[in-house]
Amino acid sequence: MYSLDINFLKERPGYVKNSKNKTSFSLPAGDLTLVYIGLAVGLCFPALVGGAWWFLQAKNTELEQQIAQLDQENKKLETKIGNINKIKKQTKGIKSETEALVSVFDQIRPWSAMLEDLRVRIPATVQIENIKQIPPLPPKEGKPAPNPAGGVEISGLARSFNDVNDFLLTLQQSSFLKATETKIMTAELVDAPIPQTNVPQGVTIKPPQIVRYTIQSNMSDIPASELMRELEQKGTLGLVSRIRSLQQKGVIKK
């Protein structure tokens, strides 16, 4: 026997409506270019990211190597700069020592020139008994230090106080002495040292009164290089030739 299988649900309105609302996905049947492009972009993007990361890593490694190389060069430069600064310091010290030595040398006053200068300046009524070198007189407040060559002390006899004053004035005009520090230290009347020879026994001759003086002065601050002509006139040729040699070498300015 046959039986009838009738599905009454399909005939219901609600069932038909729900069936119409169902959607299905299917590949387009036409041109697949867009699909391939999408797949290519999807595959290429990770490759591009990976390539960019590898490139950045390589650049980072290269920069690190350059930084390390620059650090080494910087250390070498710092060492060279330190050596240069050391040489500059040594050069500055040598220059200072040379200038100090030249300064002392340029303030030398030869005794031969000094004695010749005194000889032409001493009045006929003044006699020099002793000349000696003395330490420099202490500097006055606000004044520069005196010549390290020191000073000179002259002692002797003169016919009168006026003669001593005249001698002082001529000494103050000397280029070898400092005029403001050339002074009479002592001046007193004493008996003239007359020998008592050929004098009858029992006869006493009273000697005349004369002046015993002492004059002190500091050496002038004028450099010897500025007294070349005067030194030549006084016969100090050795010092003059040395100064000219130093001037030619540029150690002493002309």
C-alpha atoms as a PDB file:
ATOM      1  CA  MET A   1       0.000   0.000   0.000  1.00  0.00           C
ATOM      2  CA  TYR A   2       1.123   3.525  -0.629  1.00  0.00           C
ATOM      3  CA  SER A   3       1.129   6.304   1.879  1.00  0.00           C
ATOM      4  CA  LEU A   4       1.085  10.003   1.244  1.00  0.00           C
ATOM      5  CA  ASP A   5       3.792  12.134   2.914  1.00  0.00           C
ATOM      6  CA  ILE A   6       2.588  15.674   2.898  1.00  0.00           C
ATOM      7  CA  ASN A   7       4.652  18.417   4.532  1.00  0.00           C
ATOM      8  CA  PHE A   8       2.188  20.939   5.666  1.00  0.00           C
ATOM      9  CA  LEU A   9       4.869  23.248   7.120  1.00  0.00           C
ATOM     10  CA  LYS A  10       6.000  24.395   3.686  1.00  0.00           C
ATOM     11  CA  GLU A  11       2.538  25.600   3.050  1.00  0.00           C
ATOM     12  CA  ARG A  12       2.605  27.840   6.133  1.00  0.00           C
ATOM     13  CA  PRO A  13       3.191  31.529   5.464  1.00  0.00           C
ATOM     14  CA  GLY A  14       5.734  31.884   8.256  1.00  0.00           C
ATOM     15  CA  TYR A  15       7.900  29.126   6.894  1.00  0.00           C
ATOM     16  CA  VAL A  16       8.046  30.615   3.454  1.00  0.00           C
ATOM     17  CA  LYS A  17       9.027  34.017   4.854  1.00  0.00           C
ATOM     18  CA  ASN A  18      11.885  32.616   6.891  1.00  0.00           C
ATOM     19  CA  SER A  19      13.165  30.727   3.937  1.00  0.00           C
ATOM     20  CA  LYS A  20      13.347  33.875   1.886  1.00  0.00           C
ATOM     21  CA  ASN A  21      15.429  35.675   4.588  1.00  0.00           C
ATOM     22  CA  LYS A  22      18.320  33.171   4.430  1.00  0.00           C
ATOM     23  CA  THR A  23      21.481  34.393   2.604  1.00  0.00           C
ATOM     24  CA  SER A  24      24.183  32.412   0.902  1.00  0.00           C
ATOM     25  CA  PHE A  25      27.848  33.324  -0.107  1.00  0.00           C
ATOM     26  CA  SER A  26      29.190  32.422  -3.452  1.00  0.00           C
ATOM     27  CA  LEU A  27      32.265  33.518  -5.430  1.00  0.00           C
ATOM     28  CA  PRO A  28      31.579  35.734  -8.348  1.00  0.00           C
ATOM     29  CA  ALA A  29      31.498  33.844 -11.479  1.00  0.00           C
ATOM     30  CA  GLY A  30      33.027  36.590 -13.585  1.00  0.00           C
ATOM     31  CA  ASP A  31      36.550  38.336 -13.418  1.00  0.00           C
ATOM     32  CA  LEU A  32      38.679  37.275 -10.324  1.00  0.00           C
ATOM     33  CA  THR A  33      41.322  40.067 -10.661  1.00  0.00           C
ATOM     34  CA  LEU A  34      40.217  41.956  -7.579  1.00  0.00           C
ATOM     35  CA  VAL A  35      40.410  38.787  -5.544  1.00  0.00           C
ATOM     36  CA  TYR A  36      43.926  38.100  -6.672  1.00  0.00           C
ATOM     37  CA  ILE A  37      44.956  41.710  -5.951  1.00  0.00           C
ATOM     38  CA  GLY A  38      43.544  41.444  -2.461  1.00  0.00           C
ATOM     39  CA  LEU A  39      45.393  38.200  -1.855  1.00  0.00           C
ATOM     40  CA  ALA A  40      48.623  39.687  -3.214  1.00  0.00           C
ATOM     41  CA  VAL A  41      48.318  42.749  -0.969  1.00  0.00           C
ATOM     42  CA  GLY A  42      47.604  40.536   1.995  1.00  0.00           C
ATOM     43  CA  LEU A  43      50.697  38.449   1.314  1.00  0.00           C
ATOM     44  CA  CYS A  44      52.979  41.370   0.417  1.00  0.00           C
ATOM     45  CA  PHE A  45      52.211  43.463   3.504  1.00  0.00           C
ATOM     46  CA  PRO A  46      53.918  41.056   5.966  1.00  0.00           C
ATOM     47  CA  ALA A  47      56.823  40.772   3.544  1.00  0.00           C
ATOM     48  CA  LEU A  48      57.161  44.572   3.392  1.00  0.00           C
ATOM     49  CA  VAL A  49      57.011  44.831   7.178  1.00  0.00           C
ATOM     50  CA  GLY A  50      59.652  42.127   7.517  1.00  0.00           C
ATOM     51  CA  GLY A  51      61.869  43.790   4.920  1.00  0.00           C
ATOM     52  CA  ALA A  52      61.530  47.178   6.642  1.00  0.00           C
ATOM     53  CA  TRP A  53      62.387  45.606   9.995  1.00  0.00           C
ATOM     54  CA  TRP A  54      65.459  43.899   8.498  1.00  0.00           C
ATOM     55  CA  PHE A  55      66.529  47.194   6.852  1.00  0.00           C
ATOM     56  CA  LEU A  56      66.136  49.113  10.124  1.00  0.00           C
ATOM     57  CA  GLN A  57      68.103  46.466  11.998  1.00  0.00           C
ATOM     58  CA  ALA A  58      70.901  46.659   9.430  1.00  0.00           C
ATOM     59  CA  LYS A  59      70.943  50.457   9.645  1.00  0.00           C
ATOM     60  CA  ASN A  60      70.924  50.297  13.431  1.00  0.00           C
ATOM     61  CA  THR A  61      73.922  47.942  13.387  1.00  0.00           C
ATOM     62  CA  GLU A  62      75.711  50.240  10.936  1.00  0.00           C
ATOM     63  CA  LEU A  63      75.022  53.285  13.106  1.00  0.00           C
ATOM     64  CA  GLU A  64      76.286  51.466  16.197  1.00  0.00           C
ATOM     65  CA  GLN A  65      79.502  50.642  14.356  1.00  0.00           C
ATOM     66  CA  GLN A  66      79.873  54.273  13.266  1.00  0.00           C
ATOM     67  CA  ILE A  67      79.247  55.448  16.826  1.00  0.00           C
ATOM     68  CA  ALA A  68      81.894  53.057  18.151  1.00  0.00           C
ATOM     69  CA  GLN A  69      84.342  54.262  15.481  1.00  0.00           C
ATOM     70  CA  LEU A  70      83.586  57.906  16.341  1.00  0.00           C
ATOM     71  CA  ASP A  71      84.121  57.145  20.028  1.00  0.00           C
ATOM     72  CA  GLN A  72      87.544  55.699  19.251  1.00  0.00           C
ATOM     73  CA  GLU A  73      88.440  58.723  17.100  1.00  0.00           C
ATOM     74  CA  ASN A  74      87.168  61.030  19.849  1.00  0.00           C
ATOM     75  CA  LYS A  75      89.414  59.316  22.395  1.00  0.00           C
ATOM     76  CA  LYS A  76      92.382  59.668  20.039  1.00  0.00           C
ATOM     77  CA  LEU A  77      91.576  63.348  19.513  1.00  0.00           C
ATOM     78  CA  GLU A  78      91.252  63.904  23.261  1.00  0.00           C
ATOM     79  CA  THR A  79      94.668  62.298  23.736  1.00  0.00           C
ATOM     80  CA  LYS A  80      96.160  64.515  21.019  1.00  0.00           C
ATOM     81  CA  ILE A  81      94.487  67.608  22.497  1.00  0.00           C
ATOM     82  CA  GLY A  82      95.890  66.695  25.912  1.00  0.00           C
ATOM     83  CA  ASN A  83      99.373  66.363  24.411  1.00  0.00           C
ATOM     84  CA  ILE A  84      98.975  69.703  22.620  1.00  0.00           C
ATOM     85  CA  ASN A  85      97.843  71.402  25.828  1.00  0.00           C
ATOM     86  CA  LYS A  86     100.806  69.861  27.641  1.00  0.00           C
ATOM     87  CA  ILE A  87     103.184  71.161  24.972  1.00  0.00           C
ATOM     88  CA  LYS A  88     101.532  74.599  25.147  1.00  0.00           C
ATOM     89  CA  LYS A  89     101.979  74.639  28.916  1.00  0.00           C
ATOM     90  CA  GLN A  90     105.630  73.650  28.610  1.00  0.00           C
ATOM     91  CA  THR A  91     106.156  76.248  25.888  1.00  0.00           C
ATOM     92  CA  LYS A  92     104.523  78.908  28.038  1.00  0.00           C
ATOM     93  CA  GLY A  93     106.772  77.976  30.958  1.00  0.00           C
ATOM     94  CA  ILE A  94     109.889  78.100  28.779  1.00  0.00           C
ATOM     95  CA  LYS A  95     108.771  81.432  27.340  1.00  0.00           C
ATOM     96  CA  SER A  96     108.223  82.854  30.823  1.00  0.00           C
ATOM     97  CA  GLU A  97     111.658  81.658  31.940  1.00  0.00           C
ATOM     98  CA  THR A  98     113.251  83.110  28.805  1.00  0.00           C
ATOM     99  CA  GLU A  99     111.505  86.442  29.284  1.00  0.00           C
ATOM    100  CA  ALA A 100     112.587  86.548  32.914  1.00  0.00           C
ATOM    101  CA  LEU A 101     116.180  85.737  31.951  1.00  0.00           C
ATOM    102  CA  VAL A 102     116.161  88.334  29.170  1.00  0.00           C
ATOM    103  CA  SER A 103     114.622  90.870  31.539  1.00  0.00           C
ATOM    104  CA  VAL A 104     117.477  90.390  34.003  1.00  0.00           C
ATOM    105  CA  PHE A 105     120.022  90.380  31.202  1.00  0.00           C
ATOM    106  CA  ASP A 106     118.527  93.590  29.779  1.00  0.00           C
ATOM    107  CA  GLN A 107     119.001  95.330  33.139  1.00  0.00           C
ATOM    108  CA  ILE A 108     122.696  94.553  33.520  1.00  0.00           C
ATOM    109  CA  ARG A 109     124.880  97.582  34.235  1.00  0.00           C
ATOM    110  CA  PRO A 110     128.553  96.823  33.516  1.00  0.00           C
ATOM    111  CA  TRP A 111     130.897  98.291  36.102  1.00  0.00           C
ATOM    112  CA  SER A 112     133.232  99.469  33.390  1.00  0.00           C
ATOM    113  CA  ALA A 113     130.459 101.622  31.939  1.00  0.00           C
ATOM    114  CA  MET A 114     129.417 102.805  35.408  1.00  0.00           C
ATOM    115  CA  LEU A 115     132.952 103.878  36.338  1.00  0.00           C
ATOM    116  CA  GLU A 116     133.430 105.673  33.028  1.00  0.00           C
ATOM    117  CA  ASP A 117     130.135 107.480  33.550  1.00  0.00           C
ATOM    118  CA  LEU A 118     131.245 108.578  37.051  1.00  0.00           C
ATOM    119  CA  ARG A 119     134.593 109.714  35.744  1.00  0.00           C
ATOM    120  CA  VAL A 120     133.068 112.172  33.301  1.00  0.00           C
ATOM    121  CA  ARG A 121     130.524 113.447  35.836  1.00  0.00           C
ATOM    122  CA  ILE A 122     132.573 113.975  38.996  1.00  0.00           C
ATOM    123  CA  PRO A 123     133.492 117.635  39.670  1.00  0.00           C
ATOM    124  CA  ALA A 124     137.153 118.564  40.086  1.00  0.00           C
ATOM    125  CA  THR A 125     136.528 119.508  43.722  1.00  0.00           C
ATOM    126  CA  VAL A 126     135.092 116.091  44.633  1.00  0.00           C
ATOM    127  CA  GLN A 127     137.056 112.960  45.380  1.00  0.00           C
ATOM    128  CA  ILE A 128     135.730 109.384  45.368  1.00  0.00           C
ATOM    129  CA  GLU A 129     137.235 107.073  47.955  1.00  0.00           C
ATOM    130  CA  ASN A 130     134.995 104.010  47.626  1.00  0.00           C
ATOM    131  CA  ILE A 131     132.297 102.586  45.338  1.00  0.00           C
ATOM    132  CA  LYS A 132     130.325  99.470  46.192  1.00  0.00           C
ATOM    133  CA  GLN A 133     127.241  97.693  45.031  1.00  0.00           C
ATOM    134  CA  ILE A 134     124.338  97.452  47.480  1.00  0.00           C
ATOM    135  CA  PRO A 135     120.972  95.699  47.492  1.00  0.00           C
ATOM    136  CA  PRO A 136     118.195  97.723  45.866  1.00  0.00           C
ATOM    137  CA  LEU A 137     116.492 100.293  48.020  1.00  0.00           C
ATOM    138  CA  PRO A 138     112.953  99.247  49.062  1.00  0.00           C
ATOM    139  CA  PRO A 139     110.345 100.414  46.543  1.00  0.00           C
ATOM    140  CA  LYS A 140     108.002 103.217  47.455  1.00  0.00           C
ATOM    141  CA  GLU A 141     104.298 102.518  47.831  1.00  0.00           C
ATOM    142  CA  GLY A 142     102.590 102.406  44.462  1.00  0.00           C
ATOM    143  CA  LYS A 143     105.905 102.351  42.601  1.00  0.00           C
ATOM    144  CA  PRO A 144     107.319  99.453  40.525  1.00  0.00           C
ATOM    145  CA  ALA A 145     109.994  97.197  41.984  1.00  0.00           C
ATOM    146  CA  PRO A 146     113.531  98.542  41.579  1.00  0.00           C
ATOM    147  CA  ASN A 147     116.125  97.138  39.213  1.00  0.00           C
ATOM    148  CA  PRO A 148     117.227  93.672  40.462  1.00  0.00           C
ATOM    149  CA  ALA A 149     120.806  94.714  39.724  1.00  0.00           C
ATOM    150  CA  GLY A 150     120.588  96.681  42.954  1.00  0.00           C
ATOM    151  CA  GLY A 151     122.100 100.032  43.678  1.00  0.00           C
ATOM    152  CA  VAL A 152     125.421 101.760  44.222  1.00  0.00           C
ATOM    153  CA  GLU A 153     126.977 103.588  47.166  1.00  0.00           C
ATOM    154  CA  ILE A 154     129.596 106.264  46.545  1.00  0.00           C
ATOM    155  CA  SER A 155     131.618 107.755  49.377  1.00  0.00           C
ATOM    156  CA  GLY A 156     134.460 110.248  49.384  1.00  0.00           C
ATOM    157  CA  LEU A 157     135.526 113.802  50.143  1.00  0.00           C
ATOM    158  CA  ALA A 158     134.451 117.168  48.770  1.00  0.00           C
ATOM    159  CA  ARG A 159     135.673 120.693  49.279  1.00  0.00           C
ATOM    160  CA  SER A 160     132.270 121.943  50.430  1.00  0.00           C
ATOM    161  CA  PHE A 161     128.620 121.010  50.784  1.00  0.00           C
ATOM    162  CA  ASN A 162     127.876 122.841  47.537  1.00  0.00           C
ATOM    163  CA  ASP A 163     130.342 120.617  45.745  1.00  0.00           C
ATOM    164  CA  VAL A 164     128.555 117.555  47.114  1.00  0.00           C
ATOM    165  CA  ASN A 165     125.224 118.955  45.897  1.00  0.00           C
ATOM    166  CA  ASP A 166     126.707 119.609  42.444  1.00  0.00           C
ATOM    167  CA  PHE A 167     127.956 116.033  42.305  1.00  0.00           C
ATOM    168  CA  LEU A 168     124.490 114.792  43.289  1.00  0.00           C
ATOM    169  CA  LEU A 169     122.865 116.783  40.475  1.00  0.00           C
ATOM    170  CA  THR A 170     125.227 115.348  37.863  1.00  0.00           C
ATOM    171  CA  LEU A 171     124.566 111.812  39.127  1.00  0.00           C
ATOM    172  CA  GLN A 172     120.813 112.380  38.824  1.00  0.00           C
ATOM    173  CA  GLN A 173     121.310 113.091  35.116  1.00  0.00           C
ATOM    174  CA  SER A 174     122.965 109.703  34.534  1.00  0.00           C
ATOM    175  CA  SER A 175     121.062 107.164  32.432  1.00  0.00           C
ATOM    176  CA  PHE A 176     122.508 104.379  34.595  1.00  0.00           C
ATOM    177  CA  LEU A 177     120.961 105.633  37.854  1.00  0.00           C
ATOM    178  CA  LYS A 178     117.408 106.380  38.947  1.00  0.00           C
ATOM    179  CA  ALA A 179     117.247 110.138  39.517  1.00  0.00           C
ATOM    180  CA  THR A 180     114.444 110.066  42.094  1.00  0.00           C
ATOM    181  CA  GLU A 181     116.347 107.576  44.253  1.00  0.00           C
ATOM    182  CA  THR A 182     119.783 109.234  44.082  1.00  0.00           C
ATOM    183  CA  LYS A 183     120.234 110.862  47.476  1.00  0.00           C
ATOM    184  CA  ILE A 184     122.873 112.147  49.872  1.00  0.00           C
ATOM    185  CA  MET A 185     122.867 109.802  52.853  1.00  0.00           C
ATOM    186  CA  THR A 186     125.541 111.511  54.969  1.00  0.00           C
ATOM    187  CA  ALA A 187     127.556 114.736  54.725  1.00  0.00           C
ATOM    188  CA  GLU A 188     129.732 116.074  57.549  1.00  0.00           C
ATOM    189  CA  LEU A 189     132.731 118.300  58.088  1.00  0.00           C
ATOM    190  CA  VAL A 190     135.987 116.533  58.851  1.00  0.00           C
ATOM    191  CA  ASP A 191     139.662 117.460  58.907  1.00  0.00           C
ATOM    192  CA  ALA A 192     141.398 117.085  55.612  1.00  0.00           C
ATOM    193  CA  PRO A 193     143.803 114.140  55.643  1.00  0.00           C
ATOM    194  CA  ILE A 194     147.030 116.120  55.251  1.00  0.00           C
ATOM    195  CA  PRO A 195     150.202 114.137  55.963  1.00  0.00           C
ATOM    196  CA  GLN A 196     152.344 115.692  58.731  1.00  0.00           C
ATOM    197  CA  THR A 197     155.602 115.375  56.888  1.00  0.00           C
ATOM    198  CA  ASN A 198     158.419 117.933  56.767  1.00  0.00           C
ATOM    199  CA  VAL A 199     156.826 119.727  59.680  1.00  0.00           C
ATOM    200  CA  PRO A 200     159.256 121.124  62.312  1.00  0.00           C
ATOM    201  CA  GLN A 201     159.109 119.375  65.656  1.00  0.00           C
ATOM    202  CA  GLY A 202     156.713 121.020  68.050  1.00  0.00           C
ATOM    203  CA  VAL A 203     154.782 122.747  65.293  1.00  0.00           C
ATOM    204  CA  THR A 204     151.147 121.761  64.769  1.00  0.00           C
ATOM    205  CA  ILE A 205     149.403 122.581  61.543  1.00  0.00           C
ATOM    206  CA  LYS A 206     145.627 122.592  61.716  1.00  0.00           C
ATOM    207  CA  PRO A 207     144.221 120.911  58.557  1.00  0.00           C
ATOM    208  CA  PRO A 208     141.371 122.595  56.686  1.00  0.00           C
ATOM    209  CA  GLN A 209     137.777 121.405  57.023  1.00  0.00           C
ATOM    210  CA  ILE A 210     136.303 119.379  54.185  1.00  0.00           C
ATOM    211  CA  VAL A 211     133.107 117.368  53.708  1.00  0.00           C
ATOM    212  CA  ARG A 212     132.929 113.600  53.918  1.00  0.00           C
ATOM    213  CA  TYR A 213     129.851 112.388  52.007  1.00  0.00           C
ATOM    214  CA  THR A 214     127.957 109.225  51.162  1.00  0.00           C
ATOM    215  CA  ILE A 215     125.561 109.038  48.189  1.00  0.00           C
ATOM    216  CA  GLN A 216     123.302 106.092  47.380  1.00  0.00           C
ATOM    217  CA  SER A 217     121.195 105.348  44.311  1.00  0.00           C
ATOM    218  CA  ASN A 218     119.345 102.500  42.596  1.00  0.00           C
ATOM    219  CA  MET A 219     120.128 101.402  39.071  1.00  0.00           C
ATOM    220  CA  SER A 220     117.745 102.831  36.493  1.00  0.00           C
ATOM    221  CA  ASP A 221     114.884 100.808  35.013  1.00  0.00           C
ATOM    222  CA  ILE A 222     115.866 101.736  31.455  1.00  0.00           C
ATOM    223  CA  PRO A 223     116.681  98.487  29.593  1.00  0.00           C
ATOM    224  CA  ALA A 224     120.223  98.073  28.420  1.00  0.00           C
ATOM    225  CA  SER A 225     118.856  97.598  24.888  1.00  0.00           C
ATOM    226  CA  GLU A 226     117.774 101.271  25.003  1.00  0.00           C
ATOM    227  CA  LEU A 227     121.226 102.417  26.126  1.00  0.00           C
ATOM    228  CA  MET A 228     123.145 100.897  23.231  1.00  0.00           C
ATOM    229  CA  ARG A 229     124.705 104.156  22.044  1.00  0.00           C
ATOM    230  CA  GLU A 230     125.748 105.175  25.524  1.00  0.00           C
ATOM    231  CA  LEU A 231     127.172 101.735  26.272  1.00  0.00           C
ATOM    232  CA  GLU A 232     129.180 101.892  23.060  1.00  0.00           C
ATOM    233  CA  GLN A 233     130.522 105.302  24.053  1.00  0.00           C
ATOM    234  CA  LYS A 234     131.558 103.868  27.419  1.00  0.00           C
ATOM    235  CA  GLY A 235     133.393 101.002  25.700  1.00  0.00           C
ATOM    236  CA  THR A 236     131.037  98.159  26.720  1.00  0.00           C
ATOM    237  CA  LEU A 237     131.196  96.438  23.343  1.00  0.00           C
ATOM    238  CA  GLY A 238     130.706  92.869  24.628  1.00  0.00           C
ATOM    239  CA  LEU A 239     127.283  93.591  26.111  1.00  0.00           C
ATOM    240  CA  VAL A 240     126.269  95.591  23.067  1.00  0.00           C
ATOM    241  CA  SER A 241     127.114  92.719  20.698  1.00  0.00           C
ATOM    242  CA  ARG A 242     125.152  90.228  22.840  1.00  0.00           C
ATOM    243  CA  ILE A 243     122.110  92.483  22.911  1.00  0.00           C
ATOM    244  CA  ARG A 244     122.231  92.940  19.149  1.00  0.00           C
ATOM    245  CA  SER A 245     122.463  89.168  18.702  1.00  0.00           C
ATOM    246  CA  LEU A 246     119.372  88.679  20.867  1.00  0.00           C
ATOM    247  CA  GLN A 247     117.562  91.384  18.924  1.00  0.00           C
ATOM    248  CA  GLN A 248     118.307  89.617  15.640  1.00  0.00           C
ATOM    249  CA  LYS A 249     116.881  86.383  17.080  1.00  0.00           C
ATOM    250  CA  GLY A 250     113.762  88.240  18.196  1.00  0.00           C
ATOM    251  CA  VAL A 251     114.322  87.551  21.899  1.00  0.00           C
ATOM    252  CA  ILE A 252     114.710  91.257  22.645  1.00  0.00           C
ATOM    253  CA  LYS A 253     112.619  93.765  20.723  1.00  0.00           C
ATOM    254  CA  LYS A 254     114.430  96.459  18.824  1.00  0.00           C
END
